[in-house]
Amino acid sequence: MDRRLRELAKASPNFGRLYGYQPLLAIYGSQAELTVLSNPNAAYVSAGQFGEVLADSPP
């Protein structure tokens, strides 16, 4: 995993706390958050990936 992605995910005010539970949730959530205005299609894909990881996570 790219170090920059990890750092962005951990620094996200909305998704950073998820990194300790499931790193992919924090990464996909922060990517969607960062790209929503500049690239809405990429944000949509990241949000979908977030949902897939969330659905596969144990309760």
N, C-alpha and C. Protein backbone atom coordinates (compact mmCIF):
# COMPACT_ATOMS: atom_id res chain seq x y z
N MET A 1 0.85 -1.16 0.00
CA MET A 1 0.00 0.00 0.00
C MET A 1 0.90 1.23 0.00
N ASP A 2 0.53 2.21 -0.78
CA ASP A 2 1.30 3.44 -0.90
C ASP A 2 1.29 4.22 0.41
N ARG A 3 2.45 4.69 0.81
CA ARG A 3 2.59 5.44 2.06
C ARG A 3 1.73 6.70 2.05
N ARG A 4 1.65 7.37 0.90
CA ARG A 4 0.85 8.60 0.80
C ARG A 4 -0.63 8.33 1.05
N LEU A 5 -1.12 7.20 0.53
CA LEU A 5 -2.52 6.84 0.77
C LEU A 5 -2.78 6.61 2.25
N ARG A 6 -1.86 5.91 2.90
CA ARG A 6 -2.02 5.67 4.34
C ARG A 6 -2.05 6.96 5.12
N GLU A 7 -1.15 7.89 4.80
CA GLU A 7 -1.10 9.15 5.52
C GLU A 7 -2.34 10.00 5.27
N LEU A 8 -2.82 10.04 4.03
CA LEU A 8 -4.05 10.77 3.73
C LEU A 8 -5.24 10.17 4.47
N ALA A 9 -5.29 8.85 4.50
CA ALA A 9 -6.41 8.19 5.17
C ALA A 9 -6.40 8.47 6.67
N LYS A 10 -5.23 8.42 7.28
CA LYS A 10 -5.13 8.67 8.71
C LYS A 10 -5.45 10.12 9.06
N ALA A 11 -5.14 11.05 8.14
CA ALA A 11 -5.34 12.47 8.40
C ALA A 11 -6.77 12.95 8.10
N SER A 12 -7.57 12.11 7.50
CA SER A 12 -8.93 12.50 7.14
C SER A 12 -9.76 12.77 8.41
N PRO A 13 -10.40 13.94 8.48
CA PRO A 13 -11.19 14.23 9.68
C PRO A 13 -12.44 13.35 9.80
N ASN A 14 -12.95 12.86 8.69
CA ASN A 14 -14.17 12.06 8.73
C ASN A 14 -13.92 10.56 8.73
N PHE A 15 -12.82 10.12 8.14
CA PHE A 15 -12.59 8.68 7.99
C PHE A 15 -11.32 8.19 8.65
N GLY A 16 -10.51 9.07 9.19
CA GLY A 16 -9.23 8.70 9.78
C GLY A 16 -9.34 7.70 10.92
N ARG A 17 -10.38 7.82 11.72
CA ARG A 17 -10.51 6.91 12.88
C ARG A 17 -10.83 5.48 12.45
N LEU A 18 -11.29 5.29 11.23
CA LEU A 18 -11.59 3.94 10.74
C LEU A 18 -10.33 3.17 10.39
N TYR A 19 -9.21 3.87 10.24
CA TYR A 19 -7.97 3.21 9.82
C TYR A 19 -7.57 2.10 10.81
N GLY A 20 -7.78 2.31 12.07
CA GLY A 20 -7.44 1.30 13.07
C GLY A 20 -8.29 0.05 13.00
N TYR A 21 -9.50 0.17 12.49
CA TYR A 21 -10.42 -0.96 12.38
C TYR A 21 -10.28 -1.68 11.04
N GLN A 22 -10.30 -0.91 9.97
CA GLN A 22 -10.21 -1.46 8.61
C GLN A 22 -9.57 -0.40 7.74
N PRO A 23 -8.29 -0.53 7.43
CA PRO A 23 -7.57 0.49 6.66
C PRO A 23 -8.23 0.83 5.32
N LEU A 24 -8.81 -0.16 4.65
CA LEU A 24 -9.43 0.12 3.36
C LEU A 24 -10.62 1.06 3.48
N LEU A 25 -11.35 0.98 4.58
CA LEU A 25 -12.47 1.91 4.78
C LEU A 25 -11.97 3.35 4.85
N ALA A 26 -10.90 3.55 5.58
CA ALA A 26 -10.34 4.89 5.70
C ALA A 26 -9.78 5.37 4.37
N ILE A 27 -9.14 4.50 3.63
CA ILE A 27 -8.55 4.89 2.35
C ILE A 27 -9.62 5.23 1.33
N TYR A 28 -10.60 4.36 1.16
CA TYR A 28 -11.65 4.62 0.18
C TYR A 28 -12.50 5.82 0.57
N GLY A 29 -12.79 5.95 1.84
CA GLY A 29 -13.58 7.09 2.30
C GLY A 29 -12.85 8.41 2.10
N SER A 30 -11.58 8.44 2.43
CA SER A 30 -10.82 9.68 2.26
C SER A 30 -10.61 10.01 0.79
N GLN A 31 -10.44 8.99 -0.05
CA GLN A 31 -10.32 9.25 -1.49
C GLN A 31 -11.60 9.86 -2.03
N ALA A 32 -12.73 9.34 -1.63
CA ALA A 32 -14.01 9.89 -2.07
C ALA A 32 -14.16 11.33 -1.58
N GLU A 33 -13.78 11.55 -0.36
CA GLU A 33 -13.88 12.87 0.24
C GLU A 33 -12.99 13.89 -0.48
N LEU A 34 -11.79 13.48 -0.85
CA LEU A 34 -10.84 14.39 -1.48
C LEU A 34 -11.16 14.68 -2.94
N THR A 35 -11.80 13.75 -3.64
CA THR A 35 -12.01 13.92 -5.07
C THR A 35 -13.43 14.29 -5.45
N VAL A 36 -14.30 14.49 -4.49
CA VAL A 36 -15.71 14.71 -4.81
C VAL A 36 -15.92 15.97 -5.65
N LEU A 37 -15.16 17.01 -5.43
CA LEU A 37 -15.33 18.24 -6.21
C LEU A 37 -14.52 18.24 -7.50
N SER A 38 -13.33 17.65 -7.47
CA SER A 38 -12.47 17.69 -8.65
C SER A 38 -12.77 16.57 -9.64
N ASN A 39 -13.21 15.42 -9.14
CA ASN A 39 -13.48 14.28 -10.01
C ASN A 39 -14.63 13.46 -9.41
N PRO A 40 -15.86 13.88 -9.64
CA PRO A 40 -17.00 13.20 -9.03
C PRO A 40 -17.12 11.72 -9.41
N ASN A 41 -16.70 11.36 -10.61
CA ASN A 41 -16.78 9.95 -11.01
C ASN A 41 -15.85 9.09 -10.17
N ALA A 42 -14.65 9.57 -9.92
CA ALA A 42 -13.71 8.83 -9.07
C ALA A 42 -14.23 8.74 -7.64
N ALA A 43 -14.85 9.82 -7.16
CA ALA A 43 -15.44 9.80 -5.82
C ALA A 43 -16.55 8.77 -5.73
N TYR A 44 -17.34 8.67 -6.78
CA TYR A 44 -18.43 7.70 -6.83
C TYR A 44 -17.89 6.27 -6.77
N VAL A 45 -16.80 6.01 -7.49
CA VAL A 45 -16.18 4.68 -7.47
C VAL A 45 -15.62 4.38 -6.08
N SER A 46 -14.94 5.36 -5.49
CA SER A 46 -14.38 5.16 -4.15
C SER A 46 -15.47 4.93 -3.12
N ALA A 47 -16.58 5.63 -3.25
CA ALA A 47 -17.70 5.42 -2.34
C ALA A 47 -18.27 4.01 -2.50
N GLY A 48 -18.34 3.53 -3.72
CA GLY A 48 -18.80 2.16 -3.96
C GLY A 48 -17.86 1.14 -3.35
N GLN A 49 -16.55 1.37 -3.49
CA GLN A 49 -15.58 0.46 -2.90
C GLN A 49 -15.68 0.48 -1.38
N PHE A 50 -15.92 1.66 -0.82
CA PHE A 50 -16.13 1.79 0.62
C PHE A 50 -17.30 0.92 1.06
N GLY A 51 -18.40 0.99 0.32
CA GLY A 51 -19.58 0.19 0.65
C GLY A 51 -19.32 -1.30 0.55
N GLU A 52 -18.55 -1.72 -0.45
CA GLU A 52 -18.25 -3.14 -0.61
C GLU A 52 -17.42 -3.65 0.57
N VAL A 53 -16.41 -2.88 0.98
CA VAL A 53 -15.58 -3.29 2.11
C VAL A 53 -16.41 -3.30 3.39
N LEU A 54 -17.27 -2.31 3.55
CA LEU A 54 -18.13 -2.25 4.74
C LEU A 54 -19.07 -3.45 4.79
N ALA A 55 -19.61 -3.84 3.66
CA ALA A 55 -20.52 -4.98 3.63
C ALA A 55 -19.81 -6.29 3.93
N ASP A 56 -18.54 -6.39 3.58
CA ASP A 56 -17.78 -7.61 3.82
C ASP A 56 -17.13 -7.66 5.20
N SER A 57 -17.16 -6.56 5.92
CA SER A 57 -16.53 -6.51 7.25
C SER A 57 -17.38 -7.25 8.27
N PRO A 58 -16.73 -7.90 9.21
CA PRO A 58 -17.49 -8.58 10.26
C PRO A 58 -18.19 -7.57 11.16
N PRO A 59 -19.28 -7.96 11.77
CA PRO A 59 -20.04 -7.01 12.63
C PRO A 59 -19.30 -6.55 13.86
